[in-house]
Protein backbone atom coordinates (compact mmCIF):
# COMPACT_ATOMS: atom_id res chain seq x y z
CA MET A 1 8.14 96.24 -13.32
CA LYS A 2 11.50 94.52 -11.88
CA LEU A 3 11.51 92.50 -14.94
CA LEU A 4 11.82 95.33 -17.03
CA LYS A 5 14.39 97.03 -15.50
CA ILE A 6 16.32 93.55 -15.68
CA ALA A 7 15.88 93.18 -18.98
CA MET A 8 16.58 97.00 -19.73
CA LEU A 9 19.86 96.39 -18.12
CA GLY A 10 20.82 93.68 -19.56
CA THR A 11 20.13 94.89 -23.26
CA LEU A 12 22.52 97.82 -22.55
CA ALA A 13 24.87 95.56 -21.38
CA LEU A 14 24.69 93.61 -24.03
CA SER A 15 24.94 96.58 -26.56
CA ALA A 16 28.16 97.63 -24.65
CA THR A 17 29.71 94.51 -25.15
CA VAL A 18 28.97 94.60 -29.02
CA PHE A 19 30.60 98.10 -29.34
CA ALA A 20 33.49 97.13 -27.30
CA ASN A 21 34.09 94.33 -29.64
CA ASN A 22 33.45 96.25 -32.81
CA ASP A 23 36.26 98.53 -31.52
CA ALA A 24 38.82 96.43 -30.25
CA ILE A 25 41.28 97.24 -32.77
CA VAL A 26 40.86 100.94 -31.01
CA GLY A 27 43.73 102.18 -28.73
CA LYS A 28 47.73 102.35 -28.28
CA TRP A 29 49.71 99.82 -29.13
CA LYS A 30 53.91 99.42 -28.66
CA MET A 31 55.31 98.25 -31.83
CA SER A 32 58.52 96.05 -32.27
CA GLU A 33 60.09 94.51 -34.79
CA LYS A 34 62.65 91.99 -34.37
CA GLY A 35 62.51 92.00 -30.75
CA GLU A 36 63.46 95.69 -30.71
CA ALA A 37 60.81 98.36 -29.56
CA LYS A 38 60.11 100.75 -32.42
CA ALA A 39 56.81 103.01 -31.51
CA ILE A 40 53.67 103.31 -29.99
CA ILE A 41 50.67 103.79 -32.30
CA GLN A 42 47.19 105.30 -31.56
CA ILE A 43 44.75 103.47 -33.69
CA SER A 44 41.06 105.30 -33.63
CA LYS A 45 37.78 105.37 -35.55
CA SER A 46 38.43 107.63 -38.60
CA GLY A 47 35.14 107.79 -40.62
CA ASP A 48 33.61 104.45 -41.50
CA GLY A 49 36.76 103.06 -40.36
CA TYR A 50 40.17 103.67 -38.52
CA GLN A 51 43.66 105.00 -38.93
CA ALA A 52 46.86 104.33 -36.91
CA VAL A 53 48.92 107.50 -36.00
CA MET A 54 52.60 107.23 -34.32
CA VAL A 55 52.29 108.85 -31.45
CA GLN A 56 55.51 108.34 -29.88
CA GLY A 57 58.73 107.20 -31.50
CA LEU A 58 60.83 104.77 -29.12
CA THR A 59 63.99 104.89 -31.68
CA GLU A 60 65.87 108.21 -32.65
CA LYS A 61 64.45 107.54 -36.12
CA ALA A 62 60.90 106.95 -35.38
CA LYS A 63 60.93 110.27 -33.41
CA LYS A 64 61.56 112.34 -36.59
CA ARG A 65 58.05 110.84 -37.47
CA GLU A 66 55.71 111.44 -34.30
CA GLY A 67 52.41 112.50 -35.56
CA ALA A 68 52.59 110.78 -38.81
CA THR A 69 49.72 108.43 -39.89
CA VAL A 70 51.40 105.18 -40.34
CA ILE A 71 47.92 103.33 -41.62
CA SER A 72 44.74 104.67 -42.92
CA ASN A 73 41.35 103.58 -44.05
CA ILE A 74 41.74 100.65 -41.79
CA LYS A 75 38.76 98.39 -42.50
CA ALA A 76 37.45 94.99 -40.64
CA GLN A 77 37.60 91.76 -42.71
CA GLY A 78 36.36 89.62 -39.88
CA ASP A 79 37.92 87.40 -37.22
CA GLY A 80 40.36 89.50 -35.72
CA LYS A 81 41.40 90.82 -39.13
CA TYR A 82 41.72 94.44 -40.82
CA ALA A 83 43.30 95.88 -43.60
CA GLY A 84 44.39 98.93 -44.56
CA LYS A 85 46.76 101.58 -46.58
CA GLY A 86 50.44 101.27 -44.83
CA LYS A 87 52.97 104.14 -45.16
CA HIS A 88 56.23 103.02 -43.66
CA PRO A 89 56.99 106.22 -41.21
CA THR A 90 60.94 106.52 -42.22
CA LEU A 91 61.10 104.52 -45.52
CA PRO A 92 59.09 105.20 -48.94
CA ILE A 93 57.11 102.12 -48.91
CA SER A 94 53.70 101.98 -48.95
CA GLY A 95 50.96 99.09 -49.69
CA THR A 96 48.62 97.50 -48.39
CA ALA A 97 48.79 96.57 -44.47
CA ASN A 98 47.01 93.68 -42.91
CA ILE A 99 46.31 93.49 -39.43
CA THR A 100 45.58 90.71 -37.13
CA LEU A 101 44.38 90.91 -33.42
CA ASN A 102 44.53 88.30 -30.86
CA GLY A 103 43.31 89.53 -27.36
CA ASN A 104 46.01 92.08 -26.44
CA LYS A 105 48.38 91.27 -29.20
CA ILE A 106 48.68 92.92 -32.61
CA THR A 107 50.66 91.91 -35.69
CA ILE A 108 50.79 94.29 -38.64
CA SER A 109 52.24 93.06 -42.12
CA SER A 110 53.27 94.65 -45.10
CA ARG A 111 56.01 94.92 -47.83
CA ALA A 112 58.30 96.75 -45.10
CA GLY A 113 57.83 93.54 -42.97
CA THR A 114 56.02 92.42 -39.82
CA GLN A 115 55.64 94.08 -36.45
CA THR A 116 53.98 92.78 -33.14
CA GLY A 117 52.75 94.90 -30.36
CA VAL A 118 50.80 94.67 -27.39
CA ARG A 119 48.12 96.85 -26.12
CA GLN A 120 49.25 99.96 -23.86
C-alpha cells in the first residue's frame, strides 16, 4: 500500500513538472529594447496556443496601448522556441514574431526589432 501511494505521488509530481514545462512561456515579462524598459506583457494560454497582451506601459507612448494584444497565435516550436503573429503596439508593423525562452529570460524578434525581457 505504501509503495502504491509513493508511486502515485511520483506520477503526480512528474505530471506537474511536465505541465509546468509546457507552459514555461506563461507569465508576466518586463520587456526592454536597447537597454530601456518599455512594457510589461502577460503571456497566457489562448485556444491551442498563447497570446501576449501589454498589461502595463513603461513609457508614455506605451501607456497609451495598455491592453493591446501584441502577439497572437503563439505556438511552441521546440527547444524553448516559439513563433506567433506580432503587431507592434505603437507602429504600423506586423508579421512573424520569433520568441526564444531561456530560463527566466525571453527574447522577441520581429520586423520591428528585438526586445529582451525578464520574468516578473
